[in-house]
Structure formats: structure tokens, C-alpha cells
Amino acid sequence: MPNPDFSNVKSGSSSTAPSDSSKASGQTYVVKPGDSLSKIAQHVYGNMNDWRKIYEANRDIIQDPDLIHPGQTLRLP
């Protein structure tokens, strides 16, 4: 049996995630009850000390990094 010919196949990628050029990574996180920026950073980045990255990316919606609210959608850099 001959080997299949894949010479006309082009590489590419696809995603079901929405594209938004205003977001560097395109990822968001919806705050849940009991969340804090450090808990979210631990979950997303594996380091709770990276909370400031999330805060800096969301300064337009977070006035106090100690006060985030369930239902807020945060950009993840």
C-alpha cells in the first residue's frame, strides 16, 4: 500500500476563542465569590505574587486591588 501524499497540505491553526486585538493574550477571567487577585494569579500563572500583572492590566476597572467583585471580567496579560 503506497504512502499517502500530504505535499499539498498547508499548516495553520484554528481557535474557537473570540479574537480581540485590544487584549494582548485574548484571555479573560470572570471573578468568582472568594477570589482575590493573588488567588487568580496562583491559578493562572502558578505564582500568587503575579497579582500585580492582573491589576495593571485592569486598572480601568479596579480602583483598589483588594476589592474585586464576583462577576467582573478581568483581562489576563
Protein backbone atom coordinates (compact mmCIF):
# COMPACT_ATOMS: atom_id res chain seq x y z
CA MET A 1 0.00 0.00 0.00
CA PRO A 2 1.55 3.35 -1.03
CA ASN A 3 2.17 6.13 1.47
CA PRO A 4 -0.38 8.97 1.34
CA ASP A 5 0.77 12.21 -0.31
CA PHE A 6 0.37 15.21 2.01
CA SER A 7 2.50 17.60 -0.06
CA ASN A 8 -0.44 19.93 -0.71
CA VAL A 9 -1.41 20.28 2.97
CA LYS A 10 -0.74 23.71 4.47
CA SER A 11 -0.10 24.30 8.15
CA GLY A 12 -2.31 26.59 10.16
CA SER A 13 -4.22 26.89 13.35
CA SER A 14 -7.75 27.44 14.42
CA SER A 15 -9.41 28.55 17.58
CA THR A 16 -12.92 28.92 18.88
CA ALA A 17 -11.77 31.74 21.16
CA PRO A 18 -13.00 35.19 20.17
CA SER A 19 -10.41 37.45 18.63
CA ASP A 20 -9.94 40.86 20.24
CA SER A 21 -6.91 42.90 19.27
CA SER A 22 -7.26 45.10 22.37
CA LYS A 23 -6.28 42.16 24.57
CA ALA A 24 -2.67 41.08 24.44
CA SER A 25 -3.33 37.42 25.25
CA GLY A 26 -7.03 37.35 24.44
CA GLN A 27 -7.78 35.66 27.73
CA THR A 28 -10.22 36.83 30.36
CA TYR A 29 -11.27 35.63 33.78
CA VAL A 30 -14.64 36.10 35.46
CA VAL A 31 -14.25 36.75 39.20
CA LYS A 32 -15.95 34.18 41.44
CA PRO A 33 -17.01 34.62 45.07
CA GLY A 34 -13.97 34.31 47.34
CA ASP A 35 -11.48 35.24 44.62
CA SER A 36 -8.63 37.68 45.12
CA LEU A 37 -6.05 38.88 42.63
CA SER A 38 -3.42 36.70 44.29
CA LYS A 39 -5.68 33.61 44.12
CA ILE A 40 -6.36 34.28 40.44
CA ALA A 41 -2.63 34.79 39.77
CA GLN A 42 -1.84 31.50 41.52
CA HIS A 43 -4.44 29.70 39.41
CA VAL A 44 -3.49 31.31 36.09
CA TYR A 45 0.28 31.84 36.39
CA GLY A 46 1.22 29.43 39.16
CA ASN A 47 2.57 32.31 41.29
CA MET A 48 0.38 34.32 43.63
CA ASN A 49 2.90 37.18 43.58
CA ASP A 50 2.00 37.88 39.93
CA TRP A 51 -1.28 39.52 41.05
CA ARG A 52 0.11 42.92 40.07
CA LYS A 53 0.15 41.88 36.36
CA ILE A 54 -3.61 41.39 36.53
CA TYR A 55 -4.12 44.62 38.45
CA GLU A 56 -2.06 46.69 35.98
CA ALA A 57 -3.95 45.21 33.02
CA ASN A 58 -7.29 46.11 34.64
CA ARG A 59 -6.63 49.47 36.32
CA ASP A 60 -9.53 50.93 34.33
CA ILE A 61 -12.00 48.70 36.22
CA ILE A 62 -10.17 48.00 39.51
CA GLN A 63 -9.74 51.02 41.78
CA ASP A 64 -8.48 49.02 44.79
CA PRO A 65 -6.64 45.72 44.20
CA ASP A 66 -8.10 44.41 47.47
CA LEU A 67 -11.66 44.97 46.22
CA ILE A 68 -12.70 42.89 43.25
CA HIS A 69 -16.26 41.70 42.82
CA PRO A 70 -17.87 38.46 41.61
CA GLY A 71 -18.96 38.80 38.01
CA GLN A 72 -16.20 41.23 37.00
CA THR A 73 -14.43 40.18 33.81
CA LEU A 74 -10.69 40.74 34.06
CA ARG A 75 -8.17 40.78 31.22
CA LEU A 76 -5.27 38.40 31.73
CA PRO A 77 -1.97 39.69 30.32
